[in-house]
Amino acid sequence: AGLVEYLSLPPAERHAEYLARVENSIRDHPEDSAAQVAYLRLMIEDGAADKVASAAKRIAALKPGAAVLGSAGHALLEANHYVLAKELLEQAAAGPGGGDVSLDLAIATFRAGGAATDAKAGLARMDGIPESERSGDYFLARAQMLDATGDFENAASDLGQALGRASKRPDLYQRATRFLVRMGRAPEALTSIE
């Protein structure tokens, strides 16, 4: 009955109730890294930038495993909190089992500063990713980094590889289309979105 009642609440009330539960959990168990990540995600969703930063710092201070740090870092990356994402992802990469965050860390490195030097640092991290792990996301990120360094020819080549590996990923096609439009390549953008 409790779950049915919860699900029947309006979305704002459900959110408020869930937030209250998570806040109680982190107050009662501040060492619970999963609860801290849940709180971080809620603060991202709510757009509370100051609370996002403090939640990220609490997670880093707990020194949880690479999976928890990677999850928090990915959430920050998706929300465009690049510097915070980079900090958590670097901590995840340094620990055991941290290889799973290589792509996110390369993207966060690139996005944290946005300059050509940051693109080169991101590319250097990308080069360390094994060929077997190079997905459409990898090639799209690499194309964006190459574009930032002015290497348009290789950026276009990597974009082609990204699209070639994304046959079942509409989100990747959308991101690639935005990238092509930004590069002034509207006809190619139209072809990719079709």
N, C-alpha and C. Protein backbone atom coordinates (compact mmCIF):
# COMPACT_ATOMS: atom_id res chain seq x y z
N ALA A 1 0.83 -1.20 0.00
CA ALA A 1 0.00 0.00 0.00
C ALA A 1 0.87 1.25 0.00
N GLY A 2 2.00 1.23 0.69
CA GLY A 2 2.87 2.40 0.74
C GLY A 2 3.39 2.80 -0.63
N LEU A 3 3.79 1.82 -1.44
CA LEU A 3 4.31 2.10 -2.77
C LEU A 3 3.21 2.65 -3.67
N VAL A 4 2.02 2.08 -3.59
CA VAL A 4 0.90 2.55 -4.41
C VAL A 4 0.56 3.99 -4.03
N GLU A 5 0.54 4.27 -2.75
CA GLU A 5 0.25 5.64 -2.29
C GLU A 5 1.33 6.60 -2.79
N TYR A 6 2.57 6.18 -2.68
CA TYR A 6 3.68 7.02 -3.13
C TYR A 6 3.57 7.31 -4.62
N LEU A 7 3.31 6.28 -5.41
CA LEU A 7 3.21 6.45 -6.86
C LEU A 7 1.98 7.26 -7.27
N SER A 8 0.97 7.30 -6.42
CA SER A 8 -0.22 8.08 -6.76
C SER A 8 -0.07 9.56 -6.41
N LEU A 9 1.01 9.93 -5.74
CA LEU A 9 1.24 11.34 -5.42
C LEU A 9 1.58 12.12 -6.68
N PRO A 10 1.26 13.41 -6.70
CA PRO A 10 1.71 14.25 -7.81
C PRO A 10 3.24 14.26 -7.85
N PRO A 11 3.84 14.46 -9.04
CA PRO A 11 5.30 14.39 -9.17
C PRO A 11 6.05 15.28 -8.18
N ALA A 12 5.58 16.49 -7.93
CA ALA A 12 6.27 17.39 -7.00
C ALA A 12 6.28 16.82 -5.58
N GLU A 13 5.17 16.23 -5.17
CA GLU A 13 5.11 15.64 -3.82
C GLU A 13 5.98 14.39 -3.73
N ARG A 14 5.98 13.57 -4.81
CA ARG A 14 6.85 12.39 -4.83
C ARG A 14 8.32 12.81 -4.70
N HIS A 15 8.69 13.85 -5.45
CA HIS A 15 10.06 14.35 -5.42
C HIS A 15 10.41 14.83 -4.00
N ALA A 16 9.51 15.60 -3.41
CA ALA A 16 9.76 16.14 -2.06
C ALA A 16 9.90 15.01 -1.04
N GLU A 17 9.06 13.99 -1.16
CA GLU A 17 9.13 12.87 -0.22
C GLU A 17 10.43 12.08 -0.40
N TYR A 18 10.81 11.85 -1.66
CA TYR A 18 12.05 11.14 -1.92
C TYR A 18 13.25 11.94 -1.42
N LEU A 19 13.25 13.25 -1.67
CA LEU A 19 14.33 14.10 -1.20
C LEU A 19 14.43 14.04 0.33
N ALA A 20 13.30 14.08 1.01
CA ALA A 20 13.32 14.01 2.48
C ALA A 20 13.92 12.69 2.95
N ARG A 21 13.59 11.60 2.26
CA ARG A 21 14.15 10.29 2.64
C ARG A 21 15.66 10.26 2.44
N VAL A 22 16.10 10.79 1.31
CA VAL A 22 17.54 10.79 1.03
C VAL A 22 18.27 11.69 2.03
N GLU A 23 17.72 12.86 2.32
CA GLU A 23 18.35 13.76 3.30
C GLU A 23 18.42 13.11 4.67
N ASN A 24 17.37 12.39 5.08
CA ASN A 24 17.41 11.67 6.36
C ASN A 24 18.49 10.60 6.33
N SER A 25 18.62 9.91 5.21
CA SER A 25 19.61 8.86 5.08
C SER A 25 21.03 9.41 5.20
N ILE A 26 21.32 10.52 4.52
CA ILE A 26 22.69 11.05 4.60
C ILE A 26 22.95 11.71 5.95
N ARG A 27 21.92 12.18 6.60
CA ARG A 27 22.10 12.73 7.95
C ARG A 27 22.39 11.61 8.95
N ASP A 28 21.63 10.51 8.83
CA ASP A 28 21.79 9.39 9.77
C ASP A 28 23.01 8.52 9.45
N HIS A 29 23.39 8.47 8.17
CA HIS A 29 24.51 7.62 7.74
C HIS A 29 25.38 8.40 6.75
N PRO A 30 26.13 9.38 7.25
CA PRO A 30 26.93 10.20 6.34
C PRO A 30 28.01 9.42 5.59
N GLU A 31 28.33 8.23 6.05
CA GLU A 31 29.35 7.40 5.39
C GLU A 31 28.77 6.57 4.24
N ASP A 32 27.46 6.63 4.04
CA ASP A 32 26.79 5.85 2.99
C ASP A 32 26.97 6.55 1.64
N SER A 33 27.94 6.06 0.87
CA SER A 33 28.26 6.72 -0.39
C SER A 33 27.12 6.61 -1.41
N ALA A 34 26.37 5.53 -1.39
CA ALA A 34 25.23 5.38 -2.31
C ALA A 34 24.19 6.45 -2.04
N ALA A 35 23.92 6.72 -0.78
CA ALA A 35 22.96 7.78 -0.42
C ALA A 35 23.50 9.14 -0.82
N GLN A 36 24.81 9.34 -0.68
CA GLN A 36 25.42 10.61 -1.08
C GLN A 36 25.29 10.82 -2.59
N VAL A 37 25.45 9.74 -3.37
CA VAL A 37 25.30 9.85 -4.82
C VAL A 37 23.84 10.13 -5.18
N ALA A 38 22.91 9.50 -4.48
CA ALA A 38 21.48 9.77 -4.72
C ALA A 38 21.18 11.24 -4.44
N TYR A 39 21.75 11.77 -3.36
CA TYR A 39 21.56 13.19 -3.03
C TYR A 39 22.18 14.08 -4.11
N LEU A 40 23.37 13.73 -4.57
CA LEU A 40 24.03 14.49 -5.64
C LEU A 40 23.13 14.55 -6.88
N ARG A 41 22.58 13.41 -7.26
CA ARG A 41 21.71 13.37 -8.44
C ARG A 41 20.47 14.24 -8.25
N LEU A 42 19.91 14.24 -7.05
CA LEU A 42 18.75 15.09 -6.77
C LEU A 42 19.12 16.56 -6.85
N MET A 43 20.28 16.92 -6.33
CA MET A 43 20.70 18.33 -6.38
C MET A 43 20.97 18.76 -7.83
N ILE A 44 21.50 17.86 -8.64
CA ILE A 44 21.69 18.15 -10.06
C ILE A 44 20.33 18.39 -10.70
N GLU A 45 19.41 17.48 -10.44
CA GLU A 45 18.05 17.59 -10.99
C GLU A 45 17.38 18.90 -10.57
N ASP A 46 17.62 19.31 -9.34
CA ASP A 46 17.01 20.54 -8.82
C ASP A 46 17.75 21.80 -9.24
N GLY A 47 18.93 21.64 -9.85
CA GLY A 47 19.71 22.80 -10.28
C GLY A 47 20.34 23.57 -9.14
N ALA A 48 20.61 22.90 -8.04
CA ALA A 48 21.21 23.53 -6.86
C ALA A 48 22.73 23.42 -6.94
N ALA A 49 23.36 24.30 -7.73
CA ALA A 49 24.79 24.20 -8.02
C ALA A 49 25.66 24.20 -6.77
N ASP A 50 25.33 25.04 -5.78
CA ASP A 50 26.15 25.08 -4.57
C ASP A 50 26.08 23.76 -3.79
N LYS A 51 24.90 23.15 -3.77
CA LYS A 51 24.74 21.87 -3.08
C LYS A 51 25.37 20.73 -3.88
N VAL A 52 25.37 20.86 -5.21
CA VAL A 52 26.03 19.86 -6.06
C VAL A 52 27.51 19.81 -5.72
N ALA A 53 28.13 20.98 -5.64
CA ALA A 53 29.57 21.03 -5.34
C ALA A 53 29.88 20.43 -3.97
N SER A 54 29.10 20.77 -2.96
CA SER A 54 29.39 20.24 -1.62
C SER A 54 29.12 18.73 -1.58
N ALA A 55 28.09 18.26 -2.29
CA ALA A 55 27.82 16.81 -2.32
C ALA A 55 28.96 16.07 -3.02
N ALA A 56 29.48 16.63 -4.09
CA ALA A 56 30.59 16.00 -4.81
C ALA A 56 31.82 15.93 -3.91
N LYS A 57 32.08 16.97 -3.16
CA LYS A 57 33.24 16.98 -2.26
C LYS A 57 33.07 15.96 -1.13
N ARG A 58 31.83 15.80 -0.63
CA ARG A 58 31.59 14.79 0.41
C ARG A 58 31.85 13.38 -0.14
N ILE A 59 31.40 13.15 -1.36
CA ILE A 59 31.62 11.83 -1.97
C ILE A 59 33.12 11.57 -2.13
N ALA A 60 33.85 12.55 -2.63
CA ALA A 60 35.30 12.39 -2.80
C ALA A 60 35.97 12.11 -1.46
N ALA A 61 35.54 12.80 -0.41
CA ALA A 61 36.15 12.62 0.91
C ALA A 61 35.90 11.23 1.48
N LEU A 62 34.81 10.60 1.09
CA LEU A 62 34.51 9.25 1.58
C LEU A 62 35.44 8.21 0.96
N LYS A 63 36.06 8.54 -0.17
CA LYS A 63 36.94 7.64 -0.89
C LYS A 63 36.27 6.28 -1.16
N PRO A 64 35.08 6.33 -1.80
CA PRO A 64 34.41 5.06 -2.12
C PRO A 64 35.10 4.38 -3.28
N GLY A 65 34.59 3.25 -3.69
CA GLY A 65 35.16 2.50 -4.80
C GLY A 65 34.99 3.22 -6.13
N ALA A 66 35.70 2.69 -7.12
CA ALA A 66 35.70 3.30 -8.45
C ALA A 66 34.30 3.34 -9.06
N ALA A 67 33.48 2.34 -8.80
CA ALA A 67 32.13 2.30 -9.39
C ALA A 67 31.29 3.47 -8.88
N VAL A 68 31.35 3.74 -7.59
CA VAL A 68 30.58 4.85 -7.01
C VAL A 68 31.11 6.18 -7.52
N LEU A 69 32.42 6.34 -7.51
CA LEU A 69 33.02 7.58 -8.02
C LEU A 69 32.70 7.77 -9.51
N GLY A 70 32.76 6.68 -10.25
CA GLY A 70 32.45 6.76 -11.68
C GLY A 70 31.01 7.15 -11.93
N SER A 71 30.10 6.60 -11.14
CA SER A 71 28.68 6.93 -11.27
C SER A 71 28.44 8.41 -10.96
N ALA A 72 29.02 8.89 -9.88
CA ALA A 72 28.88 10.30 -9.51
C ALA A 72 29.54 11.19 -10.56
N GLY A 73 30.72 10.81 -11.01
CA GLY A 73 31.41 11.60 -12.02
C GLY A 73 30.64 11.66 -13.32
N HIS A 74 30.04 10.54 -13.72
CA HIS A 74 29.24 10.51 -14.94
C HIS A 74 28.02 11.43 -14.82
N ALA A 75 27.36 11.40 -13.66
CA ALA A 75 26.21 12.27 -13.44
C ALA A 75 26.62 13.74 -13.54
N LEU A 76 27.76 14.07 -12.97
CA LEU A 76 28.26 15.45 -13.05
C LEU A 76 28.61 15.83 -14.48
N LEU A 77 29.22 14.92 -15.21
CA LEU A 77 29.59 15.16 -16.60
C LEU A 77 28.34 15.43 -17.44
N GLU A 78 27.32 14.60 -17.26
CA GLU A 78 26.06 14.77 -18.00
C GLU A 78 25.38 16.10 -17.68
N ALA A 79 25.62 16.61 -16.48
CA ALA A 79 25.01 17.87 -16.06
C ALA A 79 25.91 19.08 -16.32
N ASN A 80 27.00 18.86 -17.05
CA ASN A 80 27.93 19.94 -17.41
C ASN A 80 28.69 20.54 -16.23
N HIS A 81 28.90 19.77 -15.19
CA HIS A 81 29.75 20.17 -14.06
C HIS A 81 31.12 19.52 -14.29
N TYR A 82 31.82 20.04 -15.28
CA TYR A 82 33.02 19.36 -15.79
C TYR A 82 34.17 19.30 -14.80
N VAL A 83 34.44 20.38 -14.09
CA VAL A 83 35.57 20.38 -13.16
C VAL A 83 35.32 19.39 -12.03
N LEU A 84 34.11 19.40 -11.47
CA LEU A 84 33.78 18.45 -10.41
C LEU A 84 33.83 17.01 -10.93
N ALA A 85 33.30 16.82 -12.14
CA ALA A 85 33.33 15.48 -12.74
C ALA A 85 34.76 14.99 -12.89
N LYS A 86 35.63 15.88 -13.39
CA LYS A 86 37.03 15.49 -13.60
C LYS A 86 37.68 15.07 -12.29
N GLU A 87 37.41 15.81 -11.21
CA GLU A 87 38.00 15.47 -9.91
C GLU A 87 37.59 14.07 -9.45
N LEU A 88 36.29 13.76 -9.54
CA LEU A 88 35.83 12.45 -9.09
C LEU A 88 36.30 11.34 -10.02
N LEU A 89 36.29 11.63 -11.32
CA LEU A 89 36.73 10.61 -12.28
C LEU A 89 38.22 10.33 -12.18
N GLU A 90 39.02 11.34 -11.87
CA GLU A 90 40.46 11.10 -11.65
C GLU A 90 40.66 10.22 -10.43
N GLN A 91 39.88 10.46 -9.39
CA GLN A 91 39.98 9.63 -8.18
C GLN A 91 39.56 8.19 -8.51
N ALA A 92 38.51 8.04 -9.32
CA ALA A 92 38.06 6.70 -9.70
C ALA A 92 39.11 5.99 -10.53
N ALA A 93 39.71 6.70 -11.48
CA ALA A 93 40.72 6.09 -12.36
C ALA A 93 41.95 5.66 -11.59
N ALA A 94 42.27 6.35 -10.52
CA ALA A 94 43.47 6.04 -9.74
C ALA A 94 43.28 4.79 -8.88
N GLY A 95 42.03 4.42 -8.62
CA GLY A 95 41.77 3.27 -7.76
C GLY A 95 41.66 1.98 -8.54
N PRO A 96 41.53 0.86 -7.84
CA PRO A 96 41.36 -0.43 -8.51
C PRO A 96 40.04 -0.45 -9.30
N GLY A 97 40.09 -0.99 -10.51
CA GLY A 97 38.89 -1.07 -11.34
C GLY A 97 38.48 0.25 -11.95
N GLY A 98 39.39 1.21 -12.01
CA GLY A 98 39.07 2.54 -12.50
C GLY A 98 39.10 2.70 -13.99
N GLY A 99 39.44 1.63 -14.73
CA GLY A 99 39.53 1.73 -16.17
C GLY A 99 38.22 2.03 -16.86
N ASP A 100 37.10 1.73 -16.21
CA ASP A 100 35.79 1.94 -16.81
C ASP A 100 35.43 3.41 -16.98
N VAL A 101 36.18 4.30 -16.39
CA VAL A 101 35.85 5.73 -16.46
C VAL A 101 36.72 6.48 -17.46
N SER A 102 37.51 5.76 -18.24
CA SER A 102 38.48 6.41 -19.12
C SER A 102 37.85 7.40 -20.09
N LEU A 103 36.76 7.02 -20.73
CA LEU A 103 36.12 7.91 -21.70
C LEU A 103 35.53 9.13 -21.00
N ASP A 104 34.82 8.91 -19.91
CA ASP A 104 34.25 10.05 -19.17
C ASP A 104 35.35 10.99 -18.69
N LEU A 105 36.46 10.43 -18.23
CA LEU A 105 37.56 11.26 -17.75
C LEU A 105 38.18 12.07 -18.89
N ALA A 106 38.32 11.46 -20.05
CA ALA A 106 38.87 12.19 -21.20
C ALA A 106 37.94 13.34 -21.59
N ILE A 107 36.64 13.09 -21.60
CA ILE A 107 35.67 14.14 -21.94
C ILE A 107 35.68 15.24 -20.89
N ALA A 108 35.71 14.87 -19.62
CA ALA A 108 35.73 15.87 -18.55
C ALA A 108 37.01 16.70 -18.62
N THR A 109 38.13 16.07 -18.94
CA THR A 109 39.40 16.79 -19.09
C THR A 109 39.28 17.83 -20.19
N PHE A 110 38.71 17.43 -21.31
CA PHE A 110 38.51 18.34 -22.44
C PHE A 110 37.55 19.47 -22.08
N ARG A 111 36.42 19.13 -21.49
CA ARG A 111 35.38 20.12 -21.21
C ARG A 111 35.70 21.03 -20.02
N ALA A 112 36.55 20.58 -19.12
CA ALA A 112 36.84 21.37 -17.92
C ALA A 112 37.44 22.72 -18.25
N GLY A 113 38.23 22.79 -19.30
CA GLY A 113 38.84 24.06 -19.65
C GLY A 113 38.37 24.60 -20.98
N GLY A 114 38.15 23.71 -21.93
CA GLY A 114 37.62 24.10 -23.22
C GLY A 114 38.64 24.66 -24.21
N ALA A 115 39.86 24.87 -23.81
CA ALA A 115 40.88 25.41 -24.71
C ALA A 115 41.51 24.28 -25.51
N ALA A 116 42.28 24.66 -26.53
CA ALA A 116 42.95 23.68 -27.37
C ALA A 116 43.89 22.81 -26.54
N THR A 117 44.54 23.38 -25.52
CA THR A 117 45.43 22.58 -24.68
C THR A 117 44.65 21.51 -23.91
N ASP A 118 43.42 21.87 -23.48
CA ASP A 118 42.59 20.89 -22.79
C ASP A 118 42.13 19.81 -23.76
N ALA A 119 41.89 20.20 -25.03
CA ALA A 119 41.52 19.22 -26.05
C ALA A 119 42.68 18.25 -26.26
N LYS A 120 43.90 18.77 -26.28
CA LYS A 120 45.06 17.89 -26.45
C LYS A 120 45.22 16.95 -25.25
N ALA A 121 44.95 17.46 -24.05
CA ALA A 121 45.02 16.61 -22.86
C ALA A 121 43.93 15.53 -22.92
N GLY A 122 42.74 15.92 -23.38
CA GLY A 122 41.66 14.95 -23.55
C GLY A 122 42.01 13.89 -24.58
N LEU A 123 42.61 14.34 -25.70
CA LEU A 123 43.02 13.41 -26.75
C LEU A 123 44.08 12.43 -26.24
N ALA A 124 44.99 12.93 -25.42
CA ALA A 124 46.03 12.05 -24.85
C ALA A 124 45.37 10.96 -24.01
N ARG A 125 44.35 11.34 -23.24
CA ARG A 125 43.63 10.33 -22.45
C ARG A 125 42.88 9.37 -23.36
N MET A 126 42.32 9.88 -24.45
CA MET A 126 41.58 9.04 -25.40
C MET A 126 42.49 7.98 -26.01
N ASP A 127 43.73 8.35 -26.29
CA ASP A 127 44.67 7.42 -26.91
C ASP A 127 44.95 6.22 -26.01
N GLY A 128 44.74 6.38 -24.70
CA GLY A 128 44.97 5.29 -23.77
C GLY A 128 43.83 4.29 -23.68
N ILE A 129 42.72 4.59 -24.35
CA ILE A 129 41.57 3.69 -24.30
C ILE A 129 41.79 2.56 -25.31
N PRO A 130 41.70 1.32 -24.87
CA PRO A 130 41.94 0.19 -25.78
C PRO A 130 40.97 0.21 -26.98
N GLU A 131 41.42 -0.27 -28.11
CA GLU A 131 40.61 -0.29 -29.33
C GLU A 131 39.29 -1.02 -29.11
N SER A 132 39.30 -2.06 -28.30
CA SER A 132 38.08 -2.85 -28.07
C SER A 132 36.99 -2.05 -27.34
N GLU A 133 37.37 -0.93 -26.71
CA GLU A 133 36.42 -0.10 -25.96
C GLU A 133 36.05 1.18 -26.71
N ARG A 134 36.44 1.29 -27.96
CA ARG A 134 36.19 2.51 -28.72
C ARG A 134 34.84 2.42 -29.43
N SER A 135 33.87 3.03 -28.79
CA SER A 135 32.49 3.00 -29.27
C SER A 135 32.18 4.26 -30.09
N GLY A 136 30.92 4.38 -30.49
CA GLY A 136 30.48 5.58 -31.17
C GLY A 136 30.68 6.82 -30.30
N ASP A 137 30.44 6.69 -29.00
CA ASP A 137 30.65 7.80 -28.07
C ASP A 137 32.11 8.23 -28.07
N TYR A 138 33.01 7.24 -28.12
CA TYR A 138 34.44 7.53 -28.16
C TYR A 138 34.77 8.38 -29.38
N PHE A 139 34.31 7.93 -30.55
CA PHE A 139 34.67 8.64 -31.79
C PHE A 139 34.01 10.01 -31.89
N LEU A 140 32.80 10.15 -31.35
CA LEU A 140 32.18 11.48 -31.36
C LEU A 140 32.95 12.43 -30.45
N ALA A 141 33.31 11.98 -29.27
CA ALA A 141 34.08 12.83 -28.35
C ALA A 141 35.43 13.18 -28.97
N ARG A 142 36.06 12.21 -29.59
CA ARG A 142 37.36 12.46 -30.22
C ARG A 142 37.22 13.46 -31.36
N ALA A 143 36.15 13.36 -32.14
CA ALA A 143 35.91 14.31 -33.23
C ALA A 143 35.75 15.73 -32.68
N GLN A 144 35.06 15.86 -31.57
CA GLN A 144 34.88 17.18 -30.96
C GLN A 144 36.22 17.74 -30.47
N MET A 145 37.04 16.89 -29.91
CA MET A 145 38.35 17.34 -29.44
C MET A 145 39.25 17.72 -30.61
N LEU A 146 39.24 16.92 -31.66
CA LEU A 146 40.04 17.24 -32.85
C LEU A 146 39.57 18.55 -33.47
N ASP A 147 38.27 18.77 -33.50
CA ASP A 147 37.71 20.02 -34.02
C ASP A 147 38.23 21.20 -33.19
N ALA A 148 38.29 21.05 -31.88
CA ALA A 148 38.77 22.12 -31.01
C ALA A 148 40.24 22.45 -31.24
N THR A 149 41.00 21.47 -31.73
CA THR A 149 42.42 21.73 -32.01
C THR A 149 42.63 22.23 -33.44
N GLY A 150 41.55 22.28 -34.23
CA GLY A 150 41.66 22.75 -35.61
C GLY A 150 41.93 21.65 -36.62
N ASP A 151 41.91 20.40 -36.20
CA ASP A 151 42.17 19.27 -37.10
C ASP A 151 40.82 18.79 -37.67
N PHE A 152 40.27 19.57 -38.62
CA PHE A 152 38.94 19.31 -39.14
C PHE A 152 38.85 18.02 -39.96
N GLU A 153 39.91 17.70 -40.68
CA GLU A 153 39.90 16.50 -41.52
C GLU A 153 39.77 15.24 -40.68
N ASN A 154 40.59 15.13 -39.64
CA ASN A 154 40.50 13.96 -38.77
C ASN A 154 39.23 13.97 -37.94
N ALA A 155 38.73 15.17 -37.60
CA ALA A 155 37.47 15.28 -36.87
C ALA A 155 36.34 14.70 -37.72
N ALA A 156 36.32 15.03 -38.99
CA ALA A 156 35.29 14.51 -39.89
C ALA A 156 35.40 12.99 -40.03
N SER A 157 36.62 12.49 -40.11
CA SER A 157 36.84 11.04 -40.21
C SER A 157 36.32 10.32 -38.97
N ASP A 158 36.63 10.86 -37.79
CA ASP A 158 36.17 10.24 -36.55
C ASP A 158 34.66 10.35 -36.40
N LEU A 159 34.09 11.44 -36.88
CA LEU A 159 32.64 11.58 -36.84
C LEU A 159 32.00 10.50 -37.70
N GLY A 160 32.58 10.22 -38.85
CA GLY A 160 32.08 9.14 -39.69
C GLY A 160 32.14 7.80 -38.98
N GLN A 161 33.21 7.56 -38.24
CA GLN A 161 33.33 6.31 -37.48
C GLN A 161 32.28 6.25 -36.37
N ALA A 162 32.02 7.41 -35.74
CA ALA A 162 31.00 7.45 -34.67
C ALA A 162 29.65 7.06 -35.23
N LEU A 163 29.30 7.62 -36.38
CA LEU A 163 28.00 7.32 -36.97
C LEU A 163 27.94 5.88 -37.47
N GLY A 164 29.05 5.36 -37.93
CA GLY A 164 29.09 3.98 -38.38
C GLY A 164 28.89 2.98 -37.27
N ARG A 165 29.17 3.36 -36.05
CA ARG A 165 29.04 2.45 -34.91
C ARG A 165 27.78 2.71 -34.10
N ALA A 166 26.94 3.60 -34.57
CA ALA A 166 25.78 4.03 -33.77
C ALA A 166 24.46 3.61 -34.38
N SER A 167 24.41 2.48 -35.04
CA SER A 167 23.21 2.11 -35.77
C SER A 167 21.95 2.06 -34.91
N LYS A 168 22.08 1.81 -33.64
CA LYS A 168 20.90 1.72 -32.76
C LYS A 168 20.92 2.78 -31.67
N ARG A 169 21.57 3.90 -31.93
CA ARG A 169 21.72 4.94 -30.91
C ARG A 169 21.22 6.29 -31.43
N PRO A 170 19.92 6.55 -31.41
CA PRO A 170 19.42 7.83 -31.92
C PRO A 170 20.04 9.03 -31.19
N ASP A 171 20.34 8.88 -29.91
CA ASP A 171 20.93 10.00 -29.16
C ASP A 171 22.30 10.37 -29.73
N LEU A 172 23.05 9.40 -30.18
CA LEU A 172 24.37 9.68 -30.75
C LEU A 172 24.22 10.40 -32.09
N TYR A 173 23.23 9.99 -32.88
CA TYR A 173 22.97 10.69 -34.14
C TYR A 173 22.57 12.15 -33.88
N GLN A 174 21.77 12.37 -32.85
CA GLN A 174 21.37 13.74 -32.52
C GLN A 174 22.58 14.58 -32.11
N ARG A 175 23.43 14.01 -31.28
CA ARG A 175 24.64 14.74 -30.86
C ARG A 175 25.55 15.00 -32.04
N ALA A 176 25.70 14.01 -32.93
CA ALA A 176 26.53 14.19 -34.12
C ALA A 176 25.94 15.26 -35.04
N THR A 177 24.62 15.29 -35.14
CA THR A 177 23.97 16.29 -35.99
C THR A 177 24.23 17.69 -35.45
N ARG A 178 24.11 17.87 -34.14
CA ARG A 178 24.41 19.18 -33.53
C ARG A 178 25.85 19.58 -33.82
N PHE A 179 26.74 18.62 -33.72
CA PHE A 179 28.16 18.89 -33.98
C PHE A 179 28.37 19.31 -35.43
N LEU A 180 27.74 18.61 -36.36
CA LEU A 180 27.88 18.95 -37.78
C LEU A 180 27.31 20.34 -38.08
N VAL A 181 26.18 20.67 -37.50
CA VAL A 181 25.58 21.99 -37.70
C VAL A 181 26.52 23.06 -37.18
N ARG A 182 27.09 22.82 -36.01
CA ARG A 182 28.03 23.79 -35.43
C ARG A 182 29.26 23.96 -36.31
N MET A 183 29.65 22.89 -37.00
CA MET A 183 30.80 22.95 -37.90
C MET A 183 30.45 23.60 -39.24
N GLY A 184 29.16 23.95 -39.44
CA GLY A 184 28.73 24.54 -40.70
C GLY A 184 28.53 23.52 -41.80
N ARG A 185 28.23 22.29 -41.43
CA ARG A 185 28.07 21.21 -42.41
C ARG A 185 26.63 20.72 -42.39
N ALA A 186 25.70 21.64 -42.73
CA ALA A 186 24.27 21.33 -42.66
C ALA A 186 23.85 20.17 -43.57
N PRO A 187 24.34 20.05 -44.82
CA PRO A 187 23.90 18.91 -45.64
C PRO A 187 24.26 17.56 -45.02
N GLU A 188 25.46 17.45 -44.43
CA GLU A 188 25.85 16.20 -43.77
C GLU A 188 25.01 15.96 -42.51
N ALA A 189 24.67 17.05 -41.83
CA ALA A 189 23.83 16.94 -40.65
C ALA A 189 22.46 16.39 -41.03
N LEU A 190 21.90 16.89 -42.11
CA LEU A 190 20.61 16.42 -42.57
C LEU A 190 20.66 14.94 -42.95
N THR A 191 21.72 14.53 -43.62
CA THR A 191 21.88 13.13 -44.00
C THR A 191 21.97 12.24 -42.76
N SER A 192 22.74 12.67 -41.76
CA SER A 192 22.90 11.83 -40.57
C SER A 192 21.61 11.72 -39.79
N ILE A 193 20.83 12.79 -39.71
CA ILE A 193 19.61 12.72 -38.91
C ILE A 193 18.54 11.90 -39.64
N GLU A 194 18.58 11.91 -40.97
CA GLU A 194 17.62 11.07 -41.73
C GLU A 194 17.91 9.60 -41.47
